[in-house]
N, C-alpha and C. Protein backbone atom coordinates (compact mmCIF):
# COMPACT_ATOMS: atom_id res chain seq x y z
N MET A 1 25.90 -73.68 -53.68
CA MET A 1 26.92 -73.42 -54.65
C MET A 1 27.71 -74.68 -54.90
N ILE A 2 28.21 -74.80 -56.12
CA ILE A 2 29.03 -75.95 -56.47
C ILE A 2 30.40 -75.46 -56.93
N ALA A 3 31.40 -76.33 -56.77
CA ALA A 3 32.75 -76.02 -57.23
C ALA A 3 32.89 -76.45 -58.68
N ILE A 4 33.44 -75.56 -59.50
CA ILE A 4 33.77 -75.87 -60.89
C ILE A 4 35.17 -75.36 -61.17
N THR A 5 35.73 -75.78 -62.30
CA THR A 5 37.08 -75.38 -62.68
C THR A 5 37.05 -74.74 -64.05
N LYS A 6 37.50 -73.48 -64.12
CA LYS A 6 37.58 -72.81 -65.41
C LYS A 6 38.70 -73.45 -66.22
N LEU A 7 38.73 -73.19 -67.53
CA LEU A 7 39.71 -73.81 -68.40
C LEU A 7 41.15 -73.51 -67.98
N ASP A 8 41.38 -72.35 -67.37
CA ASP A 8 42.74 -71.98 -66.95
C ASP A 8 43.14 -72.63 -65.63
N GLY A 9 42.26 -73.47 -65.06
CA GLY A 9 42.55 -74.17 -63.82
C GLY A 9 42.09 -73.46 -62.57
N THR A 10 41.53 -72.27 -62.72
CA THR A 10 41.04 -71.50 -61.59
C THR A 10 39.76 -72.12 -61.05
N GLY A 11 39.70 -72.30 -59.73
CA GLY A 11 38.50 -72.81 -59.10
C GLY A 11 37.48 -71.71 -58.92
N LEU A 12 36.20 -72.09 -58.95
CA LEU A 12 35.13 -71.12 -58.85
C LEU A 12 33.95 -71.76 -58.15
N LEU A 13 33.29 -71.01 -57.29
CA LEU A 13 32.03 -71.48 -56.70
C LEU A 13 30.91 -70.85 -57.51
N LEU A 14 30.00 -71.67 -57.97
CA LEU A 14 28.92 -71.23 -58.85
C LEU A 14 27.57 -71.37 -58.16
N ASN A 15 26.79 -70.29 -58.18
CA ASN A 15 25.43 -70.31 -57.66
C ASN A 15 24.57 -71.11 -58.65
N VAL A 16 24.10 -72.27 -58.24
CA VAL A 16 23.38 -73.16 -59.15
C VAL A 16 22.06 -72.56 -59.63
N ASP A 17 21.51 -71.63 -58.88
CA ASP A 17 20.25 -71.02 -59.29
C ASP A 17 20.42 -70.05 -60.46
N MET A 18 21.66 -69.70 -60.79
CA MET A 18 21.93 -68.80 -61.91
C MET A 18 22.10 -69.53 -63.23
N ILE A 19 22.22 -70.87 -63.21
CA ILE A 19 22.47 -71.63 -64.43
C ILE A 19 21.22 -71.66 -65.30
N GLU A 20 21.38 -71.27 -66.57
CA GLU A 20 20.29 -71.38 -67.54
C GLU A 20 20.50 -72.58 -68.45
N THR A 21 21.70 -72.69 -69.04
CA THR A 21 21.99 -73.82 -69.92
C THR A 21 23.41 -74.31 -69.71
N ILE A 22 23.62 -75.58 -70.08
CA ILE A 22 24.95 -76.18 -70.07
C ILE A 22 25.11 -76.86 -71.43
N GLU A 23 26.14 -76.46 -72.17
CA GLU A 23 26.37 -77.00 -73.51
C GLU A 23 27.78 -77.56 -73.61
N GLN A 24 27.94 -78.58 -74.46
CA GLN A 24 29.27 -79.09 -74.76
C GLN A 24 29.61 -78.66 -76.18
N THR A 25 30.63 -77.79 -76.35
CA THR A 25 30.84 -77.10 -77.64
C THR A 25 32.26 -77.09 -78.19
N PRO A 26 33.23 -77.93 -78.15
CA PRO A 26 33.36 -79.18 -77.40
C PRO A 26 33.67 -78.95 -75.92
N ASP A 27 34.20 -77.77 -75.54
CA ASP A 27 34.36 -77.50 -74.11
C ASP A 27 32.97 -77.28 -73.51
N THR A 28 32.87 -77.45 -72.22
CA THR A 28 31.58 -77.23 -71.57
C THR A 28 31.38 -75.74 -71.32
N MET A 29 30.27 -75.22 -71.81
CA MET A 29 29.94 -73.81 -71.61
C MET A 29 28.67 -73.71 -70.77
N ILE A 30 28.77 -72.95 -69.68
CA ILE A 30 27.62 -72.72 -68.80
C ILE A 30 27.15 -71.29 -69.06
N SER A 31 25.88 -71.15 -69.41
CA SER A 31 25.27 -69.82 -69.59
C SER A 31 24.47 -69.50 -68.34
N LEU A 32 24.71 -68.29 -67.81
CA LEU A 32 24.03 -67.87 -66.60
C LEU A 32 22.89 -66.90 -66.90
N ALA A 33 22.02 -66.71 -65.95
CA ALA A 33 20.85 -65.85 -66.11
C ALA A 33 21.21 -64.41 -66.42
N ASP A 34 22.39 -63.96 -65.98
CA ASP A 34 22.79 -62.57 -66.23
C ASP A 34 23.52 -62.40 -67.56
N GLY A 35 23.58 -63.47 -68.37
CA GLY A 35 24.23 -63.40 -69.68
C GLY A 35 25.68 -63.84 -69.68
N THR A 36 26.27 -64.06 -68.51
CA THR A 36 27.65 -64.52 -68.41
C THR A 36 27.76 -65.93 -68.97
N LYS A 37 28.87 -66.18 -69.67
CA LYS A 37 29.15 -67.52 -70.19
C LYS A 37 30.47 -67.97 -69.60
N LEU A 38 30.50 -69.18 -69.07
CA LEU A 38 31.71 -69.74 -68.46
C LEU A 38 32.13 -70.98 -69.21
N LEU A 39 33.41 -71.08 -69.57
CA LEU A 39 33.96 -72.31 -70.13
C LEU A 39 34.64 -73.04 -69.00
N VAL A 40 34.27 -74.30 -68.79
CA VAL A 40 34.77 -75.06 -67.65
C VAL A 40 35.28 -76.42 -68.08
N ARG A 41 36.08 -77.04 -67.20
CA ARG A 41 36.69 -78.34 -67.48
C ARG A 41 35.72 -79.50 -67.27
N GLU A 42 34.76 -79.34 -66.39
CA GLU A 42 33.83 -80.42 -66.08
C GLU A 42 32.91 -80.71 -67.27
N THR A 43 32.44 -81.94 -67.35
CA THR A 43 31.46 -82.30 -68.38
C THR A 43 30.08 -81.86 -67.92
N PRO A 44 29.14 -81.73 -68.86
CA PRO A 44 27.77 -81.40 -68.45
C PRO A 44 27.22 -82.40 -67.42
N ALA A 45 27.54 -83.68 -67.60
CA ALA A 45 27.04 -84.70 -66.66
C ALA A 45 27.60 -84.48 -65.25
N GLN A 46 28.87 -84.09 -65.15
CA GLN A 46 29.46 -83.83 -63.83
C GLN A 46 28.80 -82.63 -63.18
N ILE A 47 28.52 -81.60 -63.96
CA ILE A 47 27.87 -80.40 -63.40
C ILE A 47 26.47 -80.74 -62.91
N VAL A 48 25.72 -81.46 -63.72
CA VAL A 48 24.36 -81.85 -63.32
C VAL A 48 24.40 -82.69 -62.05
N GLU A 49 25.35 -83.60 -61.96
CA GLU A 49 25.48 -84.44 -60.76
C GLU A 49 25.77 -83.59 -59.52
N ARG A 50 26.66 -82.61 -59.66
CA ARG A 50 26.98 -81.73 -58.53
C ARG A 50 25.78 -80.88 -58.12
N VAL A 51 25.04 -80.39 -59.12
CA VAL A 51 23.85 -79.59 -58.83
C VAL A 51 22.83 -80.45 -58.08
N MET A 52 22.62 -81.67 -58.56
CA MET A 52 21.64 -82.55 -57.92
C MET A 52 22.07 -82.89 -56.49
N ASP A 53 23.37 -83.17 -56.29
CA ASP A 53 23.87 -83.45 -54.94
C ASP A 53 23.67 -82.25 -54.02
N PHE A 54 23.96 -81.06 -54.54
CA PHE A 54 23.79 -79.83 -53.76
C PHE A 54 22.32 -79.63 -53.38
N LYS A 55 21.43 -79.77 -54.37
CA LYS A 55 19.99 -79.56 -54.11
C LYS A 55 19.47 -80.59 -53.10
N ARG A 56 19.90 -81.85 -53.23
CA ARG A 56 19.47 -82.87 -52.27
C ARG A 56 19.90 -82.49 -50.86
N ALA A 57 21.16 -82.04 -50.73
CA ALA A 57 21.67 -81.66 -49.41
C ALA A 57 20.89 -80.49 -48.84
N VAL A 58 20.56 -79.51 -49.67
CA VAL A 58 19.79 -78.35 -49.21
C VAL A 58 18.41 -78.77 -48.73
N TYR A 59 17.74 -79.62 -49.51
CA TYR A 59 16.39 -80.03 -49.14
C TYR A 59 16.38 -80.90 -47.89
N ARG A 60 17.45 -81.64 -47.69
CA ARG A 60 17.55 -82.48 -46.49
C ARG A 60 18.01 -81.68 -45.29
N GLY A 61 18.57 -80.51 -45.52
CA GLY A 61 19.07 -79.70 -44.43
C GLY A 61 20.43 -80.13 -43.93
N SER A 62 21.14 -80.92 -44.74
CA SER A 62 22.44 -81.39 -44.31
C SER A 62 23.55 -80.44 -44.76
N GLU A 63 24.74 -80.65 -44.20
CA GLU A 63 25.89 -79.84 -44.54
C GLU A 63 26.40 -80.19 -45.93
N TYR A 64 26.72 -79.20 -46.73
CA TYR A 64 27.26 -79.46 -48.07
C TYR A 64 28.33 -78.44 -48.37
N PRO A 65 29.44 -78.82 -48.93
CA PRO A 65 29.95 -80.19 -48.99
C PRO A 65 30.55 -80.58 -47.65
N ARG A 66 30.69 -81.86 -47.42
CA ARG A 66 31.22 -82.32 -46.14
C ARG A 66 32.69 -81.96 -46.00
N GLU A 67 33.41 -81.92 -47.11
CA GLU A 67 34.80 -81.48 -47.09
C GLU A 67 35.04 -80.60 -48.30
N ALA A 68 36.06 -79.79 -48.25
CA ALA A 68 36.34 -78.87 -49.34
C ALA A 68 36.66 -79.64 -50.62
N PRO A 69 36.05 -79.25 -51.74
CA PRO A 69 36.39 -79.90 -53.00
C PRO A 69 37.87 -79.72 -53.29
N LYS A 70 38.49 -80.72 -53.95
CA LYS A 70 39.92 -80.68 -54.22
C LYS A 70 40.32 -79.42 -54.97
N VAL A 71 39.50 -78.98 -55.91
CA VAL A 71 39.85 -77.80 -56.69
C VAL A 71 39.97 -76.56 -55.81
N LEU A 72 39.20 -76.51 -54.75
CA LEU A 72 39.25 -75.36 -53.86
C LEU A 72 40.30 -75.55 -52.76
N ALA A 73 40.48 -76.77 -52.30
CA ALA A 73 41.42 -77.03 -51.22
C ALA A 73 42.85 -76.79 -51.68
N ALA A 74 43.14 -77.00 -52.96
CA ALA A 74 44.50 -76.85 -53.46
C ALA A 74 44.99 -75.40 -53.37
N ASP A 75 44.13 -74.44 -53.65
CA ASP A 75 44.54 -73.04 -53.63
C ASP A 75 43.35 -72.16 -53.30
N PRO A 76 43.00 -72.02 -52.04
CA PRO A 76 41.82 -71.25 -51.66
C PRO A 76 41.84 -69.80 -52.14
N ALA A 77 43.02 -69.23 -52.34
CA ALA A 77 43.11 -67.84 -52.80
C ALA A 77 42.69 -67.71 -54.25
N ALA A 78 42.63 -68.81 -54.99
CA ALA A 78 42.35 -68.75 -56.42
C ALA A 78 40.85 -68.74 -56.74
N TRP A 79 39.99 -69.10 -55.80
CA TRP A 79 38.57 -69.15 -56.12
C TRP A 79 37.83 -67.94 -55.60
N THR A 80 36.71 -67.67 -56.29
CA THR A 80 35.87 -66.53 -55.91
C THR A 80 34.43 -66.97 -55.89
N GLU A 81 33.61 -66.26 -55.19
CA GLU A 81 32.18 -66.53 -55.19
C GLU A 81 31.52 -65.81 -56.33
N ARG A 82 30.54 -66.43 -56.95
CA ARG A 82 29.81 -65.87 -58.08
C ARG A 82 28.39 -65.71 -57.67
């Protein structure tokens, strides 16, 4: 899972295996396999980079993330698992 930030500033953990498309419209919209659409603050490039880092860590068997992402560390009660 990767940390993302919804437009309202709410942190969210996203299951990367659910991502179907990422569009910039001009906000970044992530379309999921179940039809859900998320508008987020990150750019498509940032999301792709996080997904690639996550997948590398999984394939290597290492701990991911090494420390809590800032968006989640600021207010742990604000994020949910997807």
